[in-house]
PDB file of all heavy atoms in Angstrom:
ATOM      1  N   ARG A   1     -20.661 128.550  10.970  1.00  0.00           N
ATOM      2  CA  ARG A   1     -21.209 129.902  10.867  1.00  0.00           C
ATOM      3  C   ARG A   1     -21.604 130.275   9.435  1.00  0.00           C
ATOM      4  O   ARG A   1     -22.573 130.973   9.209  1.00  0.00           O
ATOM      5  CB  ARG A   1     -20.220 130.913  11.430  1.00  0.00           C
ATOM      6  CG  ARG A   1     -20.148 130.821  12.949  1.00  0.00           C
ATOM      7  CD  ARG A   1     -19.156 131.768  13.535  1.00  0.00           C
ATOM      8  NE  ARG A   1     -19.235 131.794  14.986  1.00  0.00           N
ATOM      9  CZ  ARG A   1     -18.200 132.057  15.776  1.00  0.00           C
ATOM     10  NH1 ARG A   1     -17.005 132.318  15.240  1.00  0.00           N
ATOM     11  NH2 ARG A   1     -18.348 132.065  17.070  1.00  0.00           N
ATOM     12  N   LYS A   2     -20.857 129.770   8.436  1.00  0.00           N
ATOM     13  CA  LYS A   2     -21.231 130.040   7.035  1.00  0.00           C
ATOM     14  C   LYS A   2     -22.590 129.417   6.752  1.00  0.00           C
ATOM     15  O   LYS A   2     -23.429 130.026   6.082  1.00  0.00           O
ATOM     16  CB  LYS A   2     -20.161 129.449   6.099  1.00  0.00           C
ATOM     17  CG  LYS A   2     -20.429 129.738   4.645  1.00  0.00           C
ATOM     18  CD  LYS A   2     -20.269 131.210   4.362  1.00  0.00           C
ATOM     19  CE  LYS A   2     -20.272 131.531   2.888  1.00  0.00           C
ATOM     20  NZ  LYS A   2     -19.973 132.949   2.650  1.00  0.00           N
ATOM     21  N   GLU A   3     -22.811 128.233   7.285  1.00  0.00           N
ATOM     22  CA  GLU A   3     -24.049 127.513   7.009  1.00  0.00           C
ATOM     23  C   GLU A   3     -25.241 127.986   7.830  1.00  0.00           C
ATOM     24  O   GLU A   3     -26.368 128.026   7.339  1.00  0.00           O
ATOM     25  CB  GLU A   3     -23.825 126.014   7.260  1.00  0.00           C
ATOM     26  CG  GLU A   3     -24.958 125.134   6.773  1.00  0.00           C
ATOM     27  CD  GLU A   3     -24.635 123.675   6.791  1.00  0.00           C
ATOM     28  OE1 GLU A   3     -23.419 123.305   6.852  1.00  0.00           O
ATOM     29  OE2 GLU A   3     -25.560 122.884   6.742  1.00  0.00           O
ATOM     30  N   PHE A   4     -25.024 128.382   9.120  1.00  0.00           N
ATOM     31  CA  PHE A   4     -26.155 128.606  10.008  1.00  0.00           C
ATOM     32  C   PHE A   4     -26.270 130.019  10.608  1.00  0.00           C
ATOM     33  O   PHE A   4     -27.343 130.380  11.101  1.00  0.00           O
ATOM     34  CB  PHE A   4     -26.108 127.602  11.169  1.00  0.00           C
ATOM     35  CG  PHE A   4     -26.160 126.176  10.726  1.00  0.00           C
ATOM     36  CD1 PHE A   4     -25.033 125.369  10.805  1.00  0.00           C
ATOM     37  CD2 PHE A   4     -27.317 125.613  10.200  1.00  0.00           C
ATOM     38  CE1 PHE A   4     -25.061 124.037  10.401  1.00  0.00           C
ATOM     39  CE2 PHE A   4     -27.365 124.294   9.801  1.00  0.00           C
ATOM     40  CZ  PHE A   4     -26.232 123.504   9.890  1.00  0.00           C
ATOM     41  N   ALA A   5     -25.200 130.804  10.645  1.00  0.00           N
ATOM     42  CA  ALA A   5     -25.249 132.109  11.328  1.00  0.00           C
ATOM     43  C   ALA A   5     -25.965 133.170  10.529  1.00  0.00           C
ATOM     44  O   ALA A   5     -25.911 133.171   9.280  1.00  0.00           O
ATOM     45  CB  ALA A   5     -23.843 132.568  11.659  1.00  0.00           C
ATOM     46  N   GLU A   6     -26.633 134.081  11.242  1.00  0.00           N
ATOM     47  CA  GLU A   6     -27.329 135.210  10.618  1.00  0.00           C
ATOM     48  C   GLU A   6     -26.393 136.394  10.382  1.00  0.00           C
ATOM     49  O   GLU A   6     -26.419 137.025   9.344  1.00  0.00           O
ATOM     50  CB  GLU A   6     -28.466 135.689  11.521  1.00  0.00           C
ATOM     51  CG  GLU A   6     -29.586 134.701  11.692  1.00  0.00           C
ATOM     52  CD  GLU A   6     -30.633 135.216  12.669  1.00  0.00           C
ATOM     53  OE1 GLU A   6     -30.908 136.438  12.693  1.00  0.00           O
ATOM     54  OE2 GLU A   6     -31.166 134.400  13.432  1.00  0.00           O
ATOM     55  N   ASN A   7     -25.587 136.715  11.417  1.00  0.00           N
ATOM     56  CA  ASN A   7     -24.688 137.881  11.348  1.00  0.00           C
ATOM     57  C   ASN A   7     -23.643 137.747  12.456  1.00  0.00           C
ATOM     58  O   ASN A   7     -23.600 136.717  13.127  1.00  0.00           O
ATOM     59  CB  ASN A   7     -25.483 139.202  11.464  1.00  0.00           C
ATOM     60  CG  ASN A   7     -26.348 139.230  12.713  1.00  0.00           C
ATOM     61  OD1 ASN A   7     -25.886 138.996  13.829  1.00  0.00           O
ATOM     62  ND2 ASN A   7     -27.635 139.534  12.536  1.00  0.00           N
ATOM     63  N   THR A   8     -22.823 138.774  12.625  1.00  0.00           N
ATOM     64  CA  THR A   8     -21.738 138.680  13.619  1.00  0.00           C
ATOM     65  C   THR A   8     -22.223 138.565  15.053  1.00  0.00           C
ATOM     66  O   THR A   8     -21.555 137.988  15.894  1.00  0.00           O
ATOM     67  CB  THR A   8     -20.769 139.877  13.517  1.00  0.00           C
ATOM     68  OG1 THR A   8     -21.511 141.068  13.669  1.00  0.00           O
ATOM     69  CG2 THR A   8     -20.037 139.871  12.212  1.00  0.00           C
ATOM     70  N   ARG A   9     -23.390 139.114  15.354  1.00  0.00           N
ATOM     71  CA  ARG A   9     -23.940 139.020  16.717  1.00  0.00           C
ATOM     72  C   ARG A   9     -24.727 137.736  16.965  1.00  0.00           C
ATOM     73  O   ARG A   9     -24.740 137.227  18.071  1.00  0.00           O
ATOM     74  CB  ARG A   9     -24.815 140.233  17.025  1.00  0.00           C
ATOM     75  CG  ARG A   9     -23.963 141.476  17.126  1.00  0.00           C
ATOM     76  CD  ARG A   9     -24.656 142.550  17.854  1.00  0.00           C
ATOM     77  NE  ARG A   9     -23.806 143.731  17.791  1.00  0.00           N
ATOM     78  CZ  ARG A   9     -23.696 144.613  18.726  1.00  0.00           C
ATOM     79  NH1 ARG A   9     -24.398 144.457  19.808  1.00  0.00           N
ATOM     80  NH2 ARG A   9     -22.910 145.632  18.585  1.00  0.00           N
ATOM     81  N   ARG A  10     -25.402 137.250  15.968  1.00  0.00           N
ATOM     82  CA  ARG A  10     -26.187 136.020  16.081  1.00  0.00           C
ATOM     83  C   ARG A  10     -25.441 134.975  15.257  1.00  0.00           C
ATOM     84  O   ARG A  10     -25.850 134.646  14.140  1.00  0.00           O
ATOM     85  CB  ARG A  10     -27.617 136.256  15.598  1.00  0.00           C
ATOM     86  CG  ARG A  10     -28.320 137.336  16.421  1.00  0.00           C
ATOM     87  CD  ARG A  10     -29.751 137.592  15.973  1.00  0.00           C
ATOM     88  NE  ARG A  10     -30.601 136.448  16.256  1.00  0.00           N
ATOM     89  CZ  ARG A  10     -31.134 136.151  17.469  1.00  0.00           C
ATOM     90  NH1 ARG A  10     -30.849 136.916  18.498  1.00  0.00           N
ATOM     91  NH2 ARG A  10     -31.900 135.121  17.629  1.00  0.00           N
ATOM     92  N   ASN A  11     -24.387 134.442  15.861  1.00  0.00           N
ATOM     93  CA  ASN A  11     -23.451 133.597  15.093  1.00  0.00           C
ATOM     94  C   ASN A  11     -23.433 132.143  15.551  1.00  0.00           C
ATOM     95  O   ASN A  11     -22.461 131.434  15.375  1.00  0.00           O
ATOM     96  CB  ASN A  11     -22.053 134.201  15.089  1.00  0.00           C
ATOM     97  CG  ASN A  11     -21.473 134.363  16.481  1.00  0.00           C
ATOM     98  OD1 ASN A  11     -21.884 133.691  17.423  1.00  0.00           O
ATOM     99  ND2 ASN A  11     -20.525 135.259  16.622  1.00  0.00           N
ATOM    100  N   VAL A  12     -24.490 131.678  16.117  1.00  0.00           N
ATOM    101  CA  VAL A  12     -24.881 130.305  16.488  1.00  0.00           C
ATOM    102  C   VAL A  12     -23.959 129.482  17.379  1.00  0.00           C
ATOM    103  O   VAL A  12     -24.437 128.593  18.066  1.00  0.00           O
ATOM    104  CB  VAL A  12     -25.266 129.424  15.258  1.00  0.00           C
ATOM    105  CG1 VAL A  12     -26.408 130.021  14.498  1.00  0.00           C
ATOM    106  CG2 VAL A  12     -24.120 129.095  14.378  1.00  0.00           C
ATOM    107  N   VAL A  13     -22.653 129.769  17.443  1.00  0.00           N
ATOM    108  CA  VAL A  13     -21.775 128.949  18.263  1.00  0.00           C
ATOM    109  C   VAL A  13     -20.703 129.767  18.946  1.00  0.00           C
ATOM    110  O   VAL A  13     -20.309 130.829  18.489  1.00  0.00           O
ATOM    111  CB  VAL A  13     -21.106 127.821  17.441  1.00  0.00           C
ATOM    112  CG1 VAL A  13     -22.086 126.719  17.089  1.00  0.00           C
ATOM    113  CG2 VAL A  13     -20.415 128.371  16.209  1.00  0.00           C
ATOM    114  N   HIS A  14     -20.223 129.234  20.059  1.00  0.00           N
ATOM    115  CA  HIS A  14     -19.071 129.752  20.789  1.00  0.00           C
ATOM    116  C   HIS A  14     -18.063 128.630  20.900  1.00  0.00           C
ATOM    117  O   HIS A  14     -18.448 127.465  21.045  1.00  0.00           O
ATOM    118  CB  HIS A  14     -19.486 130.201  22.195  1.00  0.00           C
ATOM    119  CG  HIS A  14     -18.315 130.398  23.118  1.00  0.00           C
ATOM    120  ND1 HIS A  14     -17.663 131.612  23.230  1.00  0.00           N
ATOM    121  CD2 HIS A  14     -17.671 129.530  23.957  1.00  0.00           C
ATOM    122  CE1 HIS A  14     -16.686 131.467  24.111  1.00  0.00           C
ATOM    123  NE2 HIS A  14     -16.659 130.220  24.557  1.00  0.00           N
ATOM    124  N   GLY A  15     -16.782 128.974  20.897  1.00  0.00           N
ATOM    125  CA  GLY A  15     -15.735 128.001  21.162  1.00  0.00           C
ATOM    126  C   GLY A  15     -14.596 128.642  21.915  1.00  0.00           C
ATOM    127  O   GLY A  15     -14.307 129.834  21.727  1.00  0.00           O
ATOM    128  N   SER A  16     -13.981 127.901  22.783  1.00  0.00           N
ATOM    129  CA  SER A  16     -12.832 128.406  23.552  1.00  0.00           C
ATOM    130  C   SER A  16     -11.741 128.879  22.605  1.00  0.00           C
ATOM    131  O   SER A  16     -11.547 128.317  21.530  1.00  0.00           O
ATOM    132  CB  SER A  16     -12.291 127.304  24.451  1.00  0.00           C
ATOM    133  OG  SER A  16     -13.290 126.792  25.286  1.00  0.00           O
ATOM    134  N   ASP A  17     -10.996 129.908  23.057  1.00  0.00           N
ATOM    135  CA  ASP A  17      -9.956 130.467  22.181  1.00  0.00           C
ATOM    136  C   ASP A  17      -8.542 129.990  22.508  1.00  0.00           C
ATOM    137  O   ASP A  17      -7.595 130.346  21.808  1.00  0.00           O
ATOM    138  CB  ASP A  17     -10.012 131.983  22.171  1.00  0.00           C
ATOM    139  CG  ASP A  17      -9.740 132.620  23.520  1.00  0.00           C
ATOM    140  OD1 ASP A  17      -9.446 131.888  24.502  1.00  0.00           O
ATOM    141  OD2 ASP A  17      -9.808 133.858  23.607  1.00  0.00           O
ATOM    142  N   SER A  18      -8.379 129.201  23.573  1.00  0.00           N
ATOM    143  CA  SER A  18      -7.066 128.654  23.907  1.00  0.00           C
ATOM    144  C   SER A  18      -7.292 127.431  24.812  1.00  0.00           C
ATOM    145  O   SER A  18      -8.351 127.321  25.468  1.00  0.00           O
ATOM    146  CB  SER A  18      -6.229 129.684  24.648  1.00  0.00           C
ATOM    147  OG  SER A  18      -6.756 129.936  25.952  1.00  0.00           O
ATOM    148  N   PRO A  19      -6.314 126.544  24.901  1.00  0.00           N
ATOM    149  CA  PRO A  19      -6.463 125.407  25.817  1.00  0.00           C
ATOM    150  C   PRO A  19      -6.657 125.854  27.277  1.00  0.00           C
ATOM    151  O   PRO A  19      -7.423 125.240  28.014  1.00  0.00           O
ATOM    152  CB  PRO A  19      -5.157 124.629  25.632  1.00  0.00           C
ATOM    153  CG  PRO A  19      -4.736 124.984  24.245  1.00  0.00           C
ATOM    154  CD  PRO A  19      -5.130 126.412  24.053  1.00  0.00           C
ATOM    155  N   GLU A  20      -5.977 126.938  27.687  1.00  0.00           N
ATOM    156  CA  GLU A  20      -6.118 127.449  29.050  1.00  0.00           C
ATOM    157  C   GLU A  20      -7.550 127.945  29.300  1.00  0.00           C
ATOM    158  O   GLU A  20      -8.134 127.656  30.339  1.00  0.00           O
ATOM    159  CB  GLU A  20      -5.108 128.564  29.299  1.00  0.00           C
ATOM    160  CG  GLU A  20      -3.656 128.154  29.184  1.00  0.00           C
ATOM    161  CD  GLU A  20      -3.155 127.992  27.737  1.00  0.00           C
ATOM    162  OE1 GLU A  20      -3.705 128.610  26.806  1.00  0.00           O
ATOM    163  OE2 GLU A  20      -2.209 127.199  27.545  1.00  0.00           O
ATOM    164  N   ASN A  21      -8.082 128.710  28.348  1.00  0.00           N
ATOM    165  CA  ASN A  21      -9.441 129.196  28.505  1.00  0.00           C
ATOM    166  C   ASN A  21     -10.459 128.059  28.401  1.00  0.00           C
ATOM    167  O   ASN A  21     -11.503 128.103  29.041  1.00  0.00           O
ATOM    168  CB  ASN A  21      -9.779 130.294  27.494  1.00  0.00           C
ATOM    169  CG  ASN A  21      -9.220 131.637  27.932  1.00  0.00           C
ATOM    170  OD1 ASN A  21      -8.920 131.852  29.115  1.00  0.00           O
ATOM    171  ND2 ASN A  21      -9.064 132.535  26.988  1.00  0.00           N
ATOM    172  N   ALA A  22     -10.157 127.042  27.617  1.00  0.00           N
ATOM    173  CA  ALA A  22     -11.042 125.902  27.514  1.00  0.00           C
ATOM    174  C   ALA A  22     -11.216 125.246  28.891  1.00  0.00           C
ATOM    175  O   ALA A  22     -12.339 124.927  29.293  1.00  0.00           O
ATOM    176  CB  ALA A  22     -10.507 124.870  26.504  1.00  0.00           C
ATOM    177  N   GLU A  23     -10.129 125.079  29.612  1.00  0.00           N
ATOM    178  CA  GLU A  23     -10.218 124.504  30.959  1.00  0.00           C
ATOM    179  C   GLU A  23     -11.080 125.344  31.861  1.00  0.00           C
ATOM    180  O   GLU A  23     -11.944 124.835  32.560  1.00  0.00           O
ATOM    181  CB  GLU A  23      -8.798 124.420  31.581  1.00  0.00           C
ATOM    182  CG  GLU A  23      -8.083 123.138  31.318  1.00  0.00           C
ATOM    183  CD  GLU A  23      -6.772 123.075  32.092  1.00  0.00           C
ATOM    184  OE1 GLU A  23      -6.752 123.358  33.309  1.00  0.00           O
ATOM    185  OE2 GLU A  23      -5.757 122.748  31.451  1.00  0.00           O
ATOM    186  N   LYS A  24     -10.883 126.668  31.838  1.00  0.00           N
ATOM    187  CA  LYS A  24     -11.678 127.581  32.673  1.00  0.00           C
ATOM    188  C   LYS A  24     -13.144 127.529  32.262  1.00  0.00           C
ATOM    189  O   LYS A  24     -14.039 127.482  33.123  1.00  0.00           O
ATOM    190  CB  LYS A  24     -11.155 129.010  32.546  1.00  0.00           C
ATOM    191  CG  LYS A  24      -9.802 129.235  33.163  1.00  0.00           C
ATOM    192  CD  LYS A  24      -9.327 130.653  32.897  1.00  0.00           C
ATOM    193  CE  LYS A  24      -7.864 130.798  33.229  1.00  0.00           C
ATOM    194  NZ  LYS A  24      -7.323 132.074  32.778  1.00  0.00           N
ATOM    195  N   GLU A  25     -13.390 127.578  30.984  1.00  0.00           N
ATOM    196  CA  GLU A  25     -14.790 127.609  30.504  1.00  0.00           C
ATOM    197  C   GLU A  25     -15.507 126.306  30.777  1.00  0.00           C
ATOM    198  O   GLU A  25     -16.692 126.313  31.166  1.00  0.00           O
ATOM    199  CB  GLU A  25     -14.809 127.921  29.001  1.00  0.00           C
ATOM    200  CG  GLU A  25     -14.396 129.346  28.691  1.00  0.00           C
ATOM    201  CD  GLU A  25     -14.428 129.680  27.210  1.00  0.00           C
ATOM    202  OE1 GLU A  25     -14.598 128.778  26.375  1.00  0.00           O
ATOM    203  OE2 GLU A  25     -14.275 130.866  26.897  1.00  0.00           O
ATOM    204  N   ILE A  26     -14.836 125.188  30.597  1.00  0.00           N
ATOM    205  CA  ILE A  26     -15.445 123.891  30.887  1.00  0.00           C
ATOM    206  C   ILE A  26     -15.810 123.812  32.354  1.00  0.00           C
ATOM    207  O   ILE A  26     -16.934 123.435  32.713  1.00  0.00           O
ATOM    208  CB  ILE A  26     -14.514 122.731  30.444  1.00  0.00           C
ATOM    209  CG1 ILE A  26     -14.441 122.669  28.927  1.00  0.00           C
ATOM    210  CG2 ILE A  26     -14.982 121.398  31.035  1.00  0.00           C
ATOM    211  CD1 ILE A  26     -13.324 121.797  28.374  1.00  0.00           C
ATOM    212  N   SER A  27     -14.877 124.201  33.237  1.00  0.00           N
ATOM    213  CA  SER A  27     -15.146 124.096  34.672  1.00  0.00           C
ATOM    214  C   SER A  27     -16.190 125.140  35.130  1.00  0.00           C
ATOM    215  O   SER A  27     -16.821 124.964  36.168  1.00  0.00           O
ATOM    216  CB  SER A  27     -13.858 124.241  35.490  1.00  0.00           C
ATOM    217  OG  SER A  27     -13.320 125.537  35.359  1.00  0.00           O
ATOM    218  N   PHE A  28     -16.406 126.200  34.354  1.00  0.00           N
ATOM    219  CA  PHE A  28     -17.457 127.159  34.662  1.00  0.00           C
ATOM    220  C   PHE A  28     -18.834 126.514  34.566  1.00  0.00           C
ATOM    221  O   PHE A  28     -19.703 126.764  35.370  1.00  0.00           O
ATOM    222  CB  PHE A  28     -17.363 128.365  33.696  1.00  0.00           C
ATOM    223  CG  PHE A  28     -18.334 129.451  34.001  1.00  0.00           C
ATOM    224  CD1 PHE A  28     -17.973 130.484  34.862  1.00  0.00           C
ATOM    225  CD2 PHE A  28     -19.607 129.488  33.452  1.00  0.00           C
ATOM    226  CE1 PHE A  28     -18.856 131.507  35.153  1.00  0.00           C
ATOM    227  CE2 PHE A  28     -20.497 130.483  33.742  1.00  0.00           C
ATOM    228  CZ  PHE A  28     -20.133 131.518  34.600  1.00  0.00           C
ATOM    229  N   PHE A  29     -19.019 125.662  33.552  1.00  0.00           N
ATOM    230  CA  PHE A  29     -20.333 125.057  33.304  1.00  0.00           C
ATOM    231  C   PHE A  29     -20.494 123.618  33.762  1.00  0.00           C
ATOM    232  O   PHE A  29     -21.615 123.155  33.941  1.00  0.00           O
ATOM    233  CB  PHE A  29     -20.683 125.151  31.814  1.00  0.00           C
ATOM    234  CG  PHE A  29     -21.031 126.525  31.347  1.00  0.00           C
ATOM    235  CD1 PHE A  29     -20.182 127.212  30.472  1.00  0.00           C
ATOM    236  CD2 PHE A  29     -22.191 127.154  31.749  1.00  0.00           C
ATOM    237  CE1 PHE A  29     -20.496 128.480  30.023  1.00  0.00           C
ATOM    238  CE2 PHE A  29     -22.529 128.419  31.316  1.00  0.00           C
ATOM    239  CZ  PHE A  29     -21.663 129.086  30.440  1.00  0.00           C
ATOM    240  N   PHE A  30     -19.401 122.885  33.881  1.00  0.00           N
ATOM    241  CA  PHE A  30     -19.469 121.463  34.169  1.00  0.00           C
ATOM    242  C   PHE A  30     -18.638 121.077  35.380  1.00  0.00           C
ATOM    243  O   PHE A  30     -17.499 121.535  35.527  1.00  0.00           O
ATOM    244  CB  PHE A  30     -18.935 120.637  32.966  1.00  0.00           C
ATOM    245  CG  PHE A  30     -19.788 120.691  31.730  1.00  0.00           C
ATOM    246  CD1 PHE A  30     -19.547 121.652  30.760  1.00  0.00           C
ATOM    247  CD2 PHE A  30     -20.799 119.760  31.530  1.00  0.00           C
ATOM    248  CE1 PHE A  30     -20.334 121.703  29.605  1.00  0.00           C
ATOM    249  CE2 PHE A  30     -21.598 119.815  30.404  1.00  0.00           C
ATOM    250  CZ  PHE A  30     -21.365 120.778  29.433  1.00  0.00           C
ATOM    251  N   SER A  31     -19.200 120.214  36.203  1.00  0.00           N
ATOM    252  CA  SER A  31     -18.412 119.618  37.306  1.00  0.00           C
ATOM    253  C   SER A  31     -17.587 118.480  36.708  1.00  0.00           C
ATOM    254  O   SER A  31     -17.898 118.001  35.615  1.00  0.00           O
ATOM    255  CB  SER A  31     -19.324 119.100  38.406  1.00  0.00           C
ATOM    256  OG  SER A  31     -20.061 117.973  37.926  1.00  0.00           O
ATOM    257  N   THR A  32     -16.578 118.043  37.415  1.00  0.00           N
ATOM    258  CA  THR A  32     -15.751 116.955  36.900  1.00  0.00           C
ATOM    259  C   THR A  32     -16.555 115.688  36.712  1.00  0.00           C
ATOM    260  O   THR A  32     -16.271 114.889  35.805  1.00  0.00           O
ATOM    261  CB  THR A  32     -14.544 116.669  37.836  1.00  0.00           C
ATOM    262  OG1 THR A  32     -15.020 116.448  39.146  1.00  0.00           O
ATOM    263  CG2 THR A  32     -13.576 117.844  37.835  1.00  0.00           C
TER     264      THR A  32
END
């Protein structure tokens, strides 16, 4: 974000905030 983001709303990347949410988020977009 320091290198590529414009501001707090246009911040170029998203990342899961916990291992539990990572599982949910991965399965939201990807099949096994």
